[in-house]
Each structure stands twice: as structure tokens, then as C-alpha cells.
Amino acid sequence: MLITEILARNAIMYGDNTSLVEINPELQEKHEVSWREYELIETNPAASFRREMTWREFDDKANRFANLLLNSGIKKGDKVAILLMNCIEWLPIYLGILKIGAVAVPLNYRYTAEEIKYCLELAHAATLVFGTEFIDRMGTIIDKISHVKMYFFVGENCPSFAGSYDKLAAYCSAEAPQIKLTDEDDAAIYFSSGTTGFPKAILHTHRSLVSSCYTEQNHHQQAREDNFLCIPPLYHTGAKMHWFGSFLVGGKAVLLRGVKPEWILKAISEEQVTIVWLLVPWAQDILDAIESGAVKLGDYKLDQWRLMHIGAQPVPPSLIQRWKKYFPGHLYDTNYGLSESIGPGCVHLGMENIHKVGAIGKPGFRWEAMIIGESGCPVEQGNVGELVVKGPGVMKCYYNDPEATAAVLKDGWLFTGDMARMDEDGFIYLVDRKKDVIICGGENLYPVQIEDFLHQHDAIKDVAVIGLPDQRLGEISAAIIELKPDGKCTENEIMTFCSSLPRYKRPRKIIFDMVPRNPTGKIEKPKLREKYCAGNLVAVQTQI
């Protein structure tokens, strides 16, 4: 079954049931009314802080946009880019693109104008769908983009260079377009996060997308009665592919536009959410808010919340220990994946394996994994090597980049660039990115191990360990430490705390600063290296 057929089936079987809800807490706070007071929505749709649609409406909107594309000359194989904040229009637009066999190209909403231009040209996009937040950025590059011939705008006050999505799609047929699709047809181009350089265009087929539906549902056992809270950006494979597990069974989802702890907890309470996927910073923020008294769990209805899972980056075991203190009844899972492996699930911990917190887990449903050395052969159990994976969600290629593709795809195996080890029970532990390994005096240092240790300090909110150039040792490790709002600590206190680490693993520099993370929660280490490795290392702060 193709992913477009799943939507059509849901519309037939669950047509009148709610499929998607969008919550905008900023608007809700502005109007100071309950999310359940619908009068505001009825009298002023432009100010709606809660919008919802049924499965039938979802399918109709996808069909209308598909037919709008066809009427506009877009055909099977053409690239259609999406540049939108999370909103209720996002997913029907995405599925509408897929219904005609066009290739969906989601774009990071944090991209600068030049990065938008770069990605549109790299993907050879013929069409762009964009929202209000991007008018200014698009205005600076609109005359410089060669491939894009058509623009559709989502929102009010449509700019002159675009057509109105709402008005134009409303006049198109809600009947499904009759375009023949197969599992092997190209479906979507996703861009790598850029944490190791400029984004690469990752091409996936319809087979990849459908495989992620079954993998996710197998891992987390979503039922139609479940309600999934989606907070991460939809342009990324992680959020959407976790939603795919609910999509497969016709389960409801809530799109929350905001990450404040009180907003997350209120959405879970008001909408009776059962499954939440968080990034590490958001989980930390929730725990900090609870411990500071900024939020009180007794103010929310959370009994129905059954599963919290985390992905996109290594999870400090200390974080989950804290989480279980306040949410002892929660099932928990860690998910590992890459955009090249269609997001989460190629390795996962498993809800039954919380005793192995710290591991990323075992190969996911219908996936294989190995840890190999420089020779290309598997390493002995316990040794560190590169993690390689094989499964139905491996990308087709880096679009129009055969050299980069050949470097990571070998005999069906995807070379992840992540260093890992496997324990005696077959559980895989992520050690670090291959490019992030620090070689200090001939010793390999793995920053994630040092970061996990430092996360145990009560005053530390976030930490990133990078290598700094050193004439004698080649590189030394530096810990960039972000303290909690009320955290007080000195360099000497951190050094004393690290005294239980082997001497070679102790950071040689302590820098108190903010730890930058991208929208998917990954530490932006290139930014830190640029800041601290280019001869402009700031003086170490010894007291905050």
C-alpha cells in the first residue's frame, strides 16, 4: 500500500473522525480563553488558535492541491518545495504533491534567503509553496532563482509574485488524480541537517516512506485511539515519520506551535495526548520547570499519557532517571536514525528495555546493523567502529551527487558516520560522530561520553565538547557548558567534578557559554568550532 493510499483509506474508514489539530498557544494566551471555547474560532478564523480537520477533509485538501498542481502544468517527477512553519495545511500539501507523483522537497524554516536559493536550485524545484513568515526572505532572491516557475502562498495578503493556495485550491476538484504510482517512484528530497557542512539533497522513494509507517507502528504500537503530539518541525524526517505510525492506523495528531513546558503540558492535558516525541532540550526544560515550581503537574490531566520517546541526538541517562522520578508510569524509548535512513527507527531501544538506557538499542523492525572497523570488517564485541545499517528506508541516493552517494552507500549498507560499540547483549551504544572524534596525544576521545558525564552535574543545563588545536598534543578537549538559569559554578568546581574520569578524558578547557542546537535538537558543533578554533578563543569565565 502506497502512502497516498493510506490517506484515501483513512478518509473512507474514518472520514468524520478528527485527523489533525493545530494549536497556537501564543494566540491562545493573547485572547486568554480556553482552547475548548470555539466561539473565537467561529467569529474570527484569522485569529484561530485551535484548528482541526477530519480525515475526509484531509484527503479532500490533498486531492485539491494535487489537482491544482496538475492544472498548473506540474507533472510526475517534478520537484515541489515546501517552506512553511508547522501548520494544519502542511501535511495535506505534502500528500497532495505525492498523489501526482511529484517529489516533495521540504525546506528548513531557519534557512537564510541564500540557503533557500541554494536548496531550491540543488533540488531543481519547479514550484514552491511558502508562508507569511518567508515573504521578506523570498523577496530578496525571487529574481535570482532559475528553476522555480511557480509560487503558491499560504496565508493572507498574498504577494504579487505568487498565487493564493487557499483561493486557487478551493476551485479544484476533490477527486483523487488518476496518476499511476509504484513503490520505486521518487517521492521526497530531504536535506541533511548541515551539522557537518552544507546540506545534501537526500532522495527517497515511496517505498521508503511506507516502510517508516510500518517500522514506527511496530515499535510503539500506535492504535487508532492514540493521540500523537507533534512538536518538531515537519520539514524534518523525524517528526513526520513518527507521526506516520499514527497515520497508518488512523490515529489523531496534534501539531503544537511552541515548545514552552507549560504549553506542552497543557496541550497534552487539554487534547488528551497519549504519545509525545521530545527532543532532549525540551525534556530538560520540562524537568527544570517542574523542579523550579514554574509548572505544577497537579494542574494538568496526564493520566492518559503512556509514552515519551526521544530521538535526534544522544540521550544522557541522567535525563531519563530524572524523568522517571516525575513520570514513573511512562513507557520510554530512544530512537536513532538519519535523514538518509528516512528518519527514526533503523535502531531503537525498545519500550521494554528501559534498563538499557544509554544505549540507542538494537536494529529496528526490518533493519540490520553492524559495527565495522577501518578494514570494512565487523569489530569485536565491545570495540568502537562505524555504525552501518541496511533496511527498506535507506535513501536512493544523494540527488545528482554520485560521488557523495558512493562514499556512504556500499552494497546496500548505509555508512552513518557515527562511531558506536555493541555490548554482550547486542545493544548498540553511540559513541560519537566520526568527524567529532578528538585525537589528543594519540588517544581517541569521544565527546558524547564526556558530555554524558557532565550532564550529571546539577548546575549544568547543556554541554558540548569539541576539540581545540594544540601544538604539542594536536588537539585538546574543551567543554562548552551552559548553566541552568539559577546555576552557579566555577571552572575549578567543574574540574573537581571531572576528577573521577580517567585523566585523558577530562576536558582541558572549560568555557561557560550557550550551547547552540538546530531545530532537530542536534548540537551545532561547526558553529562552536568556528567561534573557538579560529584563534579567537575567548577568555575562560571562572565564575558565572
Protein backbone atom coordinates (compact mmCIF):
# COMPACT_ATOMS: atom_id res chain seq x y z
CA MET A 1 0.00 0.00 0.00
CA LEU A 2 1.37 3.41 -1.02
CA ILE A 3 1.36 6.23 1.50
CA THR A 4 -1.21 8.11 -0.61
CA GLU A 5 -3.46 5.04 -0.44
CA ILE A 6 -3.24 5.08 3.36
CA LEU A 7 -4.74 8.58 3.36
CA ALA A 8 -7.52 7.58 0.94
CA ARG A 9 -8.31 4.53 3.10
CA ASN A 10 -8.44 6.64 6.28
CA ALA A 11 -10.86 9.05 4.58
CA ILE A 12 -13.18 6.15 3.72
CA MET A 13 -12.95 4.30 7.04
CA TYR A 14 -12.70 7.23 9.49
CA GLY A 15 -13.99 10.13 7.39
CA ASP A 16 -15.78 12.05 10.16
CA ASN A 17 -13.09 11.48 12.80
CA THR A 18 -10.51 14.16 13.57
CA SER A 19 -7.19 13.61 11.85
CA LEU A 20 -5.23 16.76 12.72
CA VAL A 21 -5.45 19.55 15.27
CA GLU A 22 -3.28 22.67 15.18
CA ILE A 23 -2.68 24.57 18.43
CA ASN A 24 -1.12 28.04 18.53
CA PRO A 25 -0.53 28.85 22.23
CA GLU A 26 0.64 32.41 21.58
CA LEU A 27 -2.78 33.28 20.14
CA GLN A 28 -4.49 31.41 22.97
CA GLU A 29 -2.62 33.42 25.59
CA LYS A 30 -3.32 36.64 23.72
CA HIS A 31 -7.07 36.03 23.87
CA GLU A 32 -6.96 34.45 27.35
CA VAL A 33 -9.63 31.84 26.68
CA SER A 34 -9.71 28.06 26.88
CA TRP A 35 -8.70 26.03 23.85
CA ARG A 36 -12.14 24.46 24.06
CA GLU A 37 -14.05 27.77 23.67
CA TYR A 38 -14.75 27.60 19.96
CA GLU A 39 -16.67 30.89 19.69
CA LEU A 40 -13.49 32.75 18.81
CA ILE A 41 -12.76 30.31 16.01
CA GLU A 42 -16.25 30.73 14.56
CA THR A 43 -16.27 34.54 14.72
CA ASN A 44 -12.70 35.23 13.66
CA PRO A 45 -11.00 32.41 11.74
CA ALA A 46 -7.86 34.51 11.21
CA ALA A 47 -7.31 34.52 14.97
CA SER A 48 -7.94 30.80 15.45
CA PHE A 49 -5.56 29.30 17.97
CA ARG A 50 -7.13 25.86 17.55
CA ARG A 51 -7.95 24.42 14.13
CA GLU A 52 -8.85 20.86 13.25
CA MET A 53 -9.79 18.75 10.25
CA THR A 54 -11.33 15.34 9.69
CA TRP A 55 -9.78 12.56 7.67
CA ARG A 56 -12.22 13.28 4.83
CA GLU A 57 -11.22 16.95 4.81
CA PHE A 58 -7.56 15.95 4.91
CA ASP A 59 -7.94 13.76 1.82
CA ASP A 60 -10.08 16.35 0.02
CA LYS A 61 -7.50 19.08 0.62
CA ALA A 62 -4.69 16.82 -0.58
CA ASN A 63 -6.67 16.00 -3.73
CA ARG A 64 -7.49 19.65 -4.39
CA PHE A 65 -3.84 20.65 -4.15
CA ALA A 66 -2.82 17.70 -6.32
CA ASN A 67 -5.27 18.84 -8.99
CA LEU A 68 -4.10 22.45 -8.64
CA LEU A 69 -0.57 21.28 -9.40
CA LEU A 70 -1.75 19.25 -12.40
CA ASN A 71 -3.81 22.19 -13.70
CA SER A 72 -0.69 24.36 -13.35
CA GLY A 73 1.41 22.07 -15.51
CA ILE A 74 3.26 20.23 -12.75
CA LYS A 75 3.74 16.59 -13.67
CA LYS A 76 5.05 13.34 -12.26
CA GLY A 77 8.72 13.66 -11.28
CA ASP A 78 8.69 17.46 -10.90
CA LYS A 79 10.01 18.86 -7.62
CA VAL A 80 7.66 20.87 -5.38
CA ALA A 81 9.27 22.59 -2.39
CA ILE A 82 7.52 23.37 0.91
CA LEU A 83 8.66 26.31 3.05
CA LEU A 84 6.15 26.52 5.89
CA MET A 85 6.12 26.67 9.65
CA ASN A 86 4.23 23.75 11.24
CA CYS A 87 0.57 24.30 10.40
CA ILE A 88 -2.53 22.31 9.55
CA GLU A 89 -2.00 22.94 5.81
CA TRP A 90 1.46 21.34 5.80
CA LEU A 91 0.57 17.65 5.63
CA PRO A 92 -2.30 17.90 3.07
CA ILE A 93 0.08 19.86 0.82
CA TYR A 94 2.77 17.19 1.27
CA LEU A 95 0.37 14.33 0.49
CA GLY A 96 -1.10 16.28 -2.44
CA ILE A 97 2.34 16.53 -4.01
CA LEU A 98 2.84 12.78 -3.62
CA LYS A 99 -0.57 11.99 -5.14
CA ILE A 100 0.53 13.19 -8.58
CA GLY A 101 3.93 11.50 -8.40
CA ALA A 102 5.75 14.79 -7.93
CA VAL A 103 8.64 14.94 -5.47
CA ALA A 104 8.07 16.81 -2.20
CA VAL A 105 11.02 18.97 -1.11
CA PRO A 106 10.57 20.21 2.50
CA LEU A 107 12.84 23.15 3.44
CA ASN A 108 14.20 24.13 6.82
CA TYR A 109 12.33 27.21 8.02
CA ARG A 110 15.52 28.58 9.59
CA TYR A 111 17.29 28.82 6.26
CA THR A 112 18.54 32.23 5.22
CA ALA A 113 17.46 33.58 1.85
CA GLU A 114 20.69 32.36 0.25
CA GLU A 115 20.28 28.87 1.76
CA ILE A 116 16.72 28.71 0.44
CA LYS A 117 18.00 29.64 -3.01
CA TYR A 118 20.80 27.05 -2.77
CA CYS A 119 18.43 24.21 -1.83
CA LEU A 120 15.80 25.12 -4.43
CA GLU A 121 18.44 25.03 -7.14
CA LEU A 122 20.13 21.89 -5.81
CA ALA A 123 16.79 20.04 -5.95
CA HIS A 124 15.77 21.61 -9.28
CA ALA A 125 12.47 22.67 -7.71
CA ALA A 126 9.81 23.74 -10.22
CA THR A 127 7.34 25.03 -7.62
CA LEU A 128 7.49 26.50 -4.12
CA VAL A 129 4.73 26.62 -1.51
CA PHE A 130 5.58 29.16 1.20
CA GLY A 131 4.03 31.03 4.11
CA THR A 132 3.80 34.52 5.57
CA GLU A 133 6.99 34.22 7.60
CA PHE A 134 9.08 33.92 4.42
CA ILE A 135 7.83 36.83 2.30
CA ASP A 136 10.81 39.04 3.12
CA ARG A 137 13.36 36.30 2.51
CA MET A 138 11.77 35.32 -0.78
CA GLY A 139 11.60 38.96 -1.87
CA THR A 140 15.41 39.21 -1.81
CA ILE A 141 16.02 36.18 -4.02
CA ILE A 142 12.93 35.87 -6.24
CA ASP A 143 14.74 37.35 -9.27
CA LYS A 144 17.79 35.13 -8.78
CA ILE A 145 16.10 31.70 -8.78
CA SER A 146 16.27 29.97 -12.14
CA HIS A 147 14.35 26.69 -11.73
CA VAL A 148 11.21 27.74 -9.84
CA LYS A 149 8.49 28.80 -12.26
CA MET A 150 5.51 28.92 -9.91
CA TYR A 151 4.85 30.06 -6.34
CA PHE A 152 1.88 29.29 -4.10
CA PHE A 153 1.32 31.29 -0.92
CA VAL A 154 -0.37 30.00 2.25
CA GLY A 155 -1.96 32.78 4.29
CA GLU A 156 -3.47 36.23 3.93
CA ASN A 157 -2.08 39.17 1.93
CA CYS A 158 -0.63 37.09 -0.89
CA PRO A 159 2.42 38.76 -2.50
CA SER A 160 2.20 39.74 -6.17
CA PHE A 161 4.69 37.11 -7.34
CA ALA A 162 2.61 34.16 -6.00
CA GLY A 163 -0.82 32.62 -6.30
CA SER A 164 -3.07 32.09 -3.29
CA TYR A 165 -3.09 28.44 -2.21
CA ASP A 166 -6.39 28.81 -0.36
CA LYS A 167 -8.28 30.52 -3.16
CA LEU A 168 -6.90 28.51 -6.06
CA ALA A 169 -7.15 25.07 -4.42
CA ALA A 170 -10.75 25.73 -3.37
CA TYR A 171 -11.81 25.75 -7.03
CA CYS A 172 -10.08 22.47 -7.87
CA SER A 173 -11.64 19.03 -7.84
CA ALA A 174 -11.61 16.99 -4.64
CA GLU A 175 -11.45 13.78 -6.68
CA ALA A 176 -8.21 11.81 -6.47
CA PRO A 177 -5.98 12.32 -9.53
CA GLN A 178 -5.50 9.22 -11.63
CA ILE A 179 -1.72 9.02 -11.64
CA LYS A 180 -0.11 5.58 -11.57
CA LEU A 181 2.46 5.26 -8.78
CA THR A 182 4.81 2.48 -7.72
CA ASP A 183 6.97 1.77 -4.68
CA GLU A 184 10.08 2.66 -6.67
CA ASP A 185 8.91 6.10 -7.78
CA ASP A 186 10.79 9.07 -6.34
CA ALA A 187 8.81 10.65 -3.50
CA ALA A 188 10.74 13.20 -1.47
CA ILE A 189 14.00 15.07 -1.14
CA TYR A 190 15.11 15.87 2.39
CA PHE A 191 18.14 17.94 3.25
CA SER A 192 20.79 16.83 5.71
CA SER A 193 20.95 18.97 8.83
CA GLY A 194 24.17 20.65 7.78
CA THR A 195 25.92 19.92 11.09
CA THR A 196 28.91 18.61 9.10
CA GLY A 197 28.78 21.04 6.19
CA PHE A 198 26.36 22.43 3.61
CA PRO A 199 23.12 20.43 3.27
CA LYS A 200 23.00 17.47 0.90
CA ALA A 201 19.81 16.59 -1.00
CA ILE A 202 18.64 13.12 0.08
CA LEU A 203 16.29 11.35 -2.34
CA HIS A 204 13.76 8.80 -1.05
CA THR A 205 11.23 6.63 -2.86
CA HIS A 206 7.64 5.80 -1.95
CA ARG A 207 8.94 2.50 -0.58
CA SER A 208 11.00 4.42 2.00
CA LEU A 209 8.03 6.45 3.18
CA VAL A 210 5.74 3.45 3.57
CA SER A 211 8.44 1.47 5.35
CA SER A 212 8.70 4.17 8.01
CA CYS A 213 4.95 3.83 8.71
CA TYR A 214 5.29 0.14 9.50
CA THR A 215 8.57 0.48 11.37
CA GLU A 216 7.22 3.21 13.66
CA GLN A 217 3.91 1.44 14.32
CA ASN A 218 5.73 -1.80 15.10
CA HIS A 219 7.97 -0.05 17.62
CA HIS A 220 5.36 1.96 19.51
CA GLN A 221 2.15 0.02 18.93
CA GLN A 222 0.02 3.01 17.99
CA ALA A 223 -3.71 2.31 17.94
CA ARG A 224 -6.48 4.44 16.46
CA GLU A 225 -7.35 5.60 19.99
CA ASP A 226 -3.87 7.08 20.46
CA ASN A 227 -3.24 10.80 20.06
CA PHE A 228 0.24 11.88 18.95
CA LEU A 229 1.67 15.28 19.90
CA CYS A 230 3.91 16.60 17.12
CA ILE A 231 6.19 19.45 18.17
CA PRO A 232 9.35 19.17 15.99
CA PRO A 233 9.41 20.79 12.53
CA LEU A 234 7.58 18.86 9.83
CA TYR A 235 10.29 19.58 7.27
CA HIS A 236 12.47 17.07 9.10
CA THR A 237 12.12 13.31 8.71
CA GLY A 238 12.00 12.70 12.47
CA ALA A 239 8.70 14.39 13.35
CA LYS A 240 6.81 13.29 10.25
CA MET A 241 7.99 9.70 10.33
CA HIS A 242 6.99 9.31 13.98
CA TRP A 243 3.57 10.66 13.00
CA PHE A 244 3.47 8.06 10.22
CA GLY A 245 2.89 5.35 12.85
CA SER A 246 -0.35 7.06 13.90
CA PHE A 247 -1.20 7.87 10.27
CA LEU A 248 -1.04 4.17 9.42
CA VAL A 249 -3.80 3.29 11.92
CA GLY A 250 -5.93 6.42 11.51
CA GLY A 251 -4.85 7.91 14.83
CA LYS A 252 -5.28 11.58 15.69
CA ALA A 253 -2.34 14.03 15.88
CA VAL A 254 -1.90 17.47 17.43
CA LEU A 255 0.51 19.99 15.88
CA LEU A 256 1.75 22.27 18.65
CA ARG A 257 3.32 25.57 17.59
CA GLY A 258 5.57 26.21 20.56
CA VAL A 259 7.92 24.44 22.96
CA LYS A 260 7.39 26.08 26.36
CA PRO A 261 6.94 23.42 29.08
CA GLU A 262 3.56 24.82 30.13
CA TRP A 263 2.35 24.79 26.52
CA ILE A 264 3.42 21.18 26.03
CA LEU A 265 1.78 20.01 29.26
CA LYS A 266 -1.39 21.98 28.57
CA ALA A 267 -1.68 20.52 25.08
CA ILE A 268 -1.24 17.00 26.47
CA SER A 269 -3.88 17.70 29.13
CA GLU A 270 -6.47 19.56 27.02
CA GLU A 271 -6.19 17.32 23.95
CA GLN A 272 -5.74 14.08 25.90
CA VAL A 273 -2.49 13.20 24.18
CA THR A 274 -1.11 9.69 24.72
CA ILE A 275 2.23 9.78 22.82
CA VAL A 276 4.83 12.56 22.84
CA TRP A 277 8.12 12.67 20.97
CA LEU A 278 10.54 15.15 22.53
CA LEU A 279 13.99 16.48 21.84
CA VAL A 280 16.49 16.46 24.70
CA PRO A 281 16.32 20.25 25.32
CA TRP A 282 12.52 20.18 25.64
CA ALA A 283 12.58 17.27 28.07
CA GLN A 284 15.21 19.13 30.10
CA ASP A 285 13.08 22.27 30.08
CA ILE A 286 10.03 20.37 31.35
CA LEU A 287 12.02 18.83 34.19
CA ASP A 288 13.61 22.18 35.09
CA ALA A 289 10.17 23.83 35.14
CA ILE A 290 8.82 21.11 37.43
CA GLU A 291 11.79 21.31 39.78
CA SER A 292 11.73 25.12 39.92
CA GLY A 293 8.00 25.18 40.60
CA ALA A 294 7.25 27.07 37.38
CA VAL A 295 4.76 24.32 36.49
CA LYS A 296 2.79 22.07 38.80
CA LEU A 297 1.91 18.64 37.45
CA GLY A 298 -1.28 18.61 39.54
CA ASP A 299 -2.67 21.37 37.30
CA TYR A 300 -2.80 19.01 34.30
CA LYS A 301 -4.63 15.83 33.35
CA LEU A 302 -1.81 13.50 32.33
CA ASP A 303 -3.03 10.01 33.29
CA GLN A 304 -3.65 9.04 29.65
CA TRP A 305 -0.05 9.91 28.60
CA ARG A 306 1.52 6.48 28.05
CA LEU A 307 4.72 7.01 26.01
CA MET A 308 7.51 9.58 25.91
CA HIS A 309 10.24 8.91 23.41
CA ILE A 310 13.30 10.86 22.33
CA GLY A 311 15.39 10.91 19.19
CA ALA A 312 17.68 13.03 17.00
CA GLN A 313 20.65 13.02 19.39
CA PRO A 314 22.29 11.00 22.18
CA VAL A 315 20.21 11.00 25.36
CA PRO A 316 22.02 11.44 28.69
CA PRO A 317 20.98 8.56 31.00
CA SER A 318 20.73 11.07 33.86
CA LEU A 319 17.91 12.81 31.98
CA ILE A 320 15.79 9.66 31.87
CA GLN A 321 16.49 8.93 35.52
CA ARG A 322 15.11 12.37 36.35
CA TRP A 323 12.15 11.85 34.01
CA LYS A 324 11.12 8.57 35.64
CA LYS A 325 11.15 10.30 39.02
CA TYR A 326 8.25 12.54 37.93
CA PHE A 327 6.63 10.21 35.38
CA PRO A 328 7.18 6.70 36.79
CA GLY A 329 4.39 5.17 34.73
CA HIS A 330 5.65 6.28 31.33
CA LEU A 331 6.87 3.89 28.72
CA TYR A 332 10.08 5.20 27.21
CA ASP A 333 12.02 4.64 24.01
CA THR A 334 15.07 6.11 22.33
CA ASN A 335 15.08 6.24 18.54
CA TYR A 336 18.13 6.53 16.32
CA GLY A 337 18.00 7.42 12.66
CA LEU A 338 19.23 9.68 9.90
CA SER A 339 17.53 11.54 7.09
CA GLU A 340 19.40 9.09 4.86
CA SER A 341 17.54 6.23 6.59
CA ILE A 342 14.16 8.05 6.43
CA GLY A 343 14.34 9.35 9.98
CA PRO A 344 13.90 7.32 13.16
CA GLY A 345 13.77 3.60 13.62
CA CYS A 346 16.75 1.93 11.98
CA VAL A 347 17.98 1.41 15.56
CA HIS A 348 15.78 1.81 18.63
CA LEU A 349 15.95 0.92 22.31
CA GLY A 350 12.50 -0.65 22.64
CA MET A 351 9.87 0.24 25.23
CA GLU A 352 10.65 -2.94 27.18
CA ASN A 353 14.36 -2.14 27.55
CA ILE A 354 14.47 0.88 29.82
CA HIS A 355 17.06 -0.99 31.90
CA LYS A 356 19.42 -0.34 28.97
CA VAL A 357 19.05 3.45 28.99
CA GLY A 358 22.20 4.90 27.48
CA ALA A 359 22.09 2.53 24.52
CA ILE A 360 20.43 3.54 21.25
CA GLY A 361 19.23 -0.06 21.08
CA LYS A 362 19.07 -2.83 18.52
CA PRO A 363 18.24 -2.84 14.80
CA GLY A 364 14.68 -1.69 14.21
CA PHE A 365 11.83 -3.54 12.53
CA ARG A 366 13.11 -4.95 9.20
CA TRP A 367 16.55 -3.32 9.70
CA GLU A 368 20.06 -4.71 10.04
CA ALA A 369 23.07 -3.08 11.69
CA MET A 370 26.81 -3.76 12.01
CA ILE A 371 29.77 -2.01 13.62
CA ILE A 372 32.79 -2.13 11.35
CA GLY A 373 36.44 -1.13 11.53
CA GLU A 374 38.67 0.66 9.03
CA SER A 375 39.15 -2.62 7.16
CA GLY A 376 35.43 -2.85 6.48
CA CYS A 377 35.05 -5.95 8.67
CA PRO A 378 32.95 -6.14 11.84
CA VAL A 379 34.86 -5.24 15.01
CA GLU A 380 34.96 -7.47 18.07
CA GLN A 381 32.18 -7.07 20.60
CA GLY A 382 32.85 -4.04 22.80
CA ASN A 383 35.21 -2.31 20.37
CA VAL A 384 34.41 1.02 18.72
CA GLY A 385 33.76 1.20 14.99
CA GLU A 386 31.47 2.86 12.46
CA LEU A 387 27.78 2.01 12.57
CA VAL A 388 26.37 0.83 9.23
CA VAL A 389 22.71 -0.01 8.60
CA LYS A 390 20.67 -1.70 5.92
CA GLY A 391 16.90 -1.70 5.50
CA PRO A 392 13.85 -0.66 3.47
CA GLY A 393 14.22 3.04 4.35
CA VAL A 394 17.73 3.62 3.05
CA MET A 395 17.84 6.56 0.65
CA LYS A 396 18.03 6.06 -3.09
CA CYS A 397 20.94 8.50 -3.38
CA TYR A 398 22.19 11.98 -2.77
CA TYR A 399 20.37 13.76 -5.58
CA ASN A 400 22.68 14.43 -8.53
CA ASP A 401 25.77 13.65 -6.44
CA PRO A 402 27.08 10.19 -7.36
CA GLU A 403 30.43 10.74 -5.65
CA ALA A 404 28.88 11.56 -2.27
CA THR A 405 26.43 8.66 -2.71
CA ALA A 406 29.21 6.17 -3.41
CA ALA A 407 31.01 7.30 -0.24
CA VAL A 408 28.14 6.24 2.05
CA LEU A 409 26.19 3.55 0.14
CA LYS A 410 28.05 0.28 -0.34
CA ASP A 411 26.33 -3.00 -1.26
CA GLY A 412 23.07 -1.71 0.21
CA TRP A 413 24.69 -0.67 3.50
CA LEU A 414 24.46 2.94 4.64
CA PHE A 415 27.63 4.18 6.34
CA THR A 416 26.28 6.50 9.03
CA GLY A 417 29.47 8.30 10.04
CA ASP A 418 28.59 7.54 13.67
CA MET A 419 31.02 5.69 15.91
CA ALA A 420 29.44 3.03 18.12
CA ARG A 421 30.06 -0.10 20.15
CA MET A 422 27.93 -3.15 20.96
CA ASP A 423 27.59 -4.81 24.36
CA GLU A 424 27.33 -8.50 25.17
CA ASP A 425 23.52 -8.38 24.81
CA GLY A 426 23.62 -6.91 21.32
CA PHE A 427 22.67 -3.36 22.35
CA ILE A 428 24.39 -0.59 20.43
CA TYR A 429 25.83 2.47 22.16
CA LEU A 430 26.50 5.61 20.17
CA VAL A 431 29.98 6.91 20.94
CA ASP A 432 30.21 9.95 18.66
CA ARG A 433 30.23 11.31 15.15
CA LYS A 434 33.28 10.04 13.26
CA LYS A 435 34.20 13.64 12.41
CA ASP A 436 33.77 14.75 16.03
CA VAL A 437 36.31 12.33 17.50
CA ILE A 438 39.11 14.26 19.23
CA ILE A 439 42.65 12.83 18.90
CA CYS A 440 44.60 14.09 21.88
CA GLY A 441 48.20 12.93 22.10
CA GLY A 442 47.33 9.81 20.10
CA GLU A 443 44.29 8.93 22.27
CA ASN A 444 40.80 8.91 20.75
CA LEU A 445 38.37 10.96 22.84
CA TYR A 446 34.63 10.61 22.20
CA PRO A 447 32.84 13.85 23.14
CA VAL A 448 29.47 12.19 23.79
CA GLN A 449 30.98 10.15 26.64
CA ILE A 450 32.33 13.31 28.30
CA GLU A 451 29.05 15.17 27.66
CA ASP A 452 27.02 12.36 29.28
CA PHE A 453 29.24 12.55 32.35
CA LEU A 454 28.95 16.34 32.67
CA HIS A 455 25.16 16.21 32.28
CA GLN A 456 25.07 14.62 35.74
CA HIS A 457 26.18 17.91 37.35
CA ASP A 458 23.19 19.61 39.00
CA ALA A 459 24.08 23.10 37.74
CA ILE A 460 24.57 22.15 34.08
CA LYS A 461 21.70 22.61 31.62
CA ASP A 462 23.56 21.66 28.43
CA VAL A 463 27.09 20.83 27.34
CA ALA A 464 29.08 20.35 24.15
CA VAL A 465 32.63 19.02 23.93
CA ILE A 466 34.80 19.97 20.95
CA GLY A 467 38.48 19.72 20.04
CA LEU A 468 40.73 22.76 20.09
CA PRO A 469 44.07 22.89 18.22
CA ASP A 470 47.15 22.31 20.39
CA GLN A 471 50.76 22.45 19.22
CA ARG A 472 52.00 19.64 21.46
CA LEU A 473 49.03 17.25 21.59
CA GLY A 474 47.38 18.01 18.25
CA GLU A 475 44.00 18.60 19.88
CA ILE A 476 42.68 19.12 23.39
CA SER A 477 39.10 18.75 24.58
CA ALA A 478 37.08 21.82 25.55
CA ALA A 479 33.73 21.66 27.31
CA ILE A 480 31.31 24.44 26.43
CA ILE A 481 28.91 24.50 29.38
CA GLU A 482 25.51 26.17 29.55
CA LEU A 483 24.35 26.52 33.14
CA LYS A 484 20.78 26.34 34.35
CA PRO A 485 19.17 29.77 34.92
CA ASP A 486 19.82 29.51 38.65
CA GLY A 487 23.04 27.51 38.27
CA LYS A 488 26.25 28.77 39.90
CA CYS A 489 29.54 27.09 39.15
CA THR A 490 33.22 27.77 38.59
CA GLU A 491 35.86 26.24 36.38
CA ASN A 492 37.57 24.72 39.40
CA GLU A 493 34.31 23.10 40.54
CA ILE A 494 33.84 21.53 37.11
CA MET A 495 37.42 20.27 37.09
CA THR A 496 36.94 18.74 40.54
CA PHE A 497 33.70 17.12 39.39
CA CYS A 498 35.60 15.56 36.45
CA SER A 499 38.30 14.09 38.71
CA SER A 500 36.55 10.71 38.66
CA LEU A 501 37.06 10.49 34.90
CA PRO A 502 40.27 8.93 33.57
CA ARG A 503 42.81 11.75 33.28
CA TYR A 504 42.93 11.66 29.47
CA LYS A 505 39.13 12.09 29.27
CA ARG A 506 38.98 15.18 31.45
CA PRO A 507 38.32 18.40 29.49
CA ARG A 508 41.38 20.64 29.28
CA LYS A 509 39.32 23.81 28.83
CA ILE A 510 36.05 24.91 30.44
CA ILE A 511 34.06 27.60 28.64
CA PHE A 512 30.79 28.92 30.02
CA ASP A 513 28.56 29.81 27.06
CA MET A 514 25.30 28.95 25.34
CA VAL A 515 25.17 25.58 23.52
CA PRO A 516 23.61 26.11 20.07
CA ARG A 517 21.26 23.42 18.79
CA ASN A 518 19.43 23.19 15.46
CA PRO A 519 15.63 22.71 15.22
CA THR A 520 16.03 18.94 15.47
CA GLY A 521 18.00 19.20 18.70
CA LYS A 522 21.47 18.42 17.38
CA ILE A 523 24.36 20.42 18.80
CA GLU A 524 25.75 22.75 16.12
CA LYS A 525 29.40 21.94 16.71
CA PRO A 526 30.62 23.61 13.48
CA LYS A 527 29.42 26.92 14.94
CA LEU A 528 31.32 26.26 18.16
CA ARG A 529 34.48 25.27 16.28
CA GLU A 530 34.23 28.42 14.16
CA LYS A 531 33.84 30.51 17.30
CA TYR A 532 36.57 28.93 19.41
CA CYS A 533 39.05 27.34 16.99
CA ALA A 534 39.83 30.29 14.74
CA GLY A 535 42.33 31.99 17.00
CA ASN A 536 39.65 33.96 18.79
CA LEU A 537 39.11 31.74 21.84
CA VAL A 538 37.53 33.93 24.48
CA ALA A 539 38.92 34.00 27.98
CA VAL A 540 37.55 31.21 30.10
CA GLN A 541 34.98 32.51 32.52
CA THR A 542 35.75 31.27 36.01
CA GLN A 543 32.57 32.47 37.66
CA ILE A 544 29.01 32.88 36.40
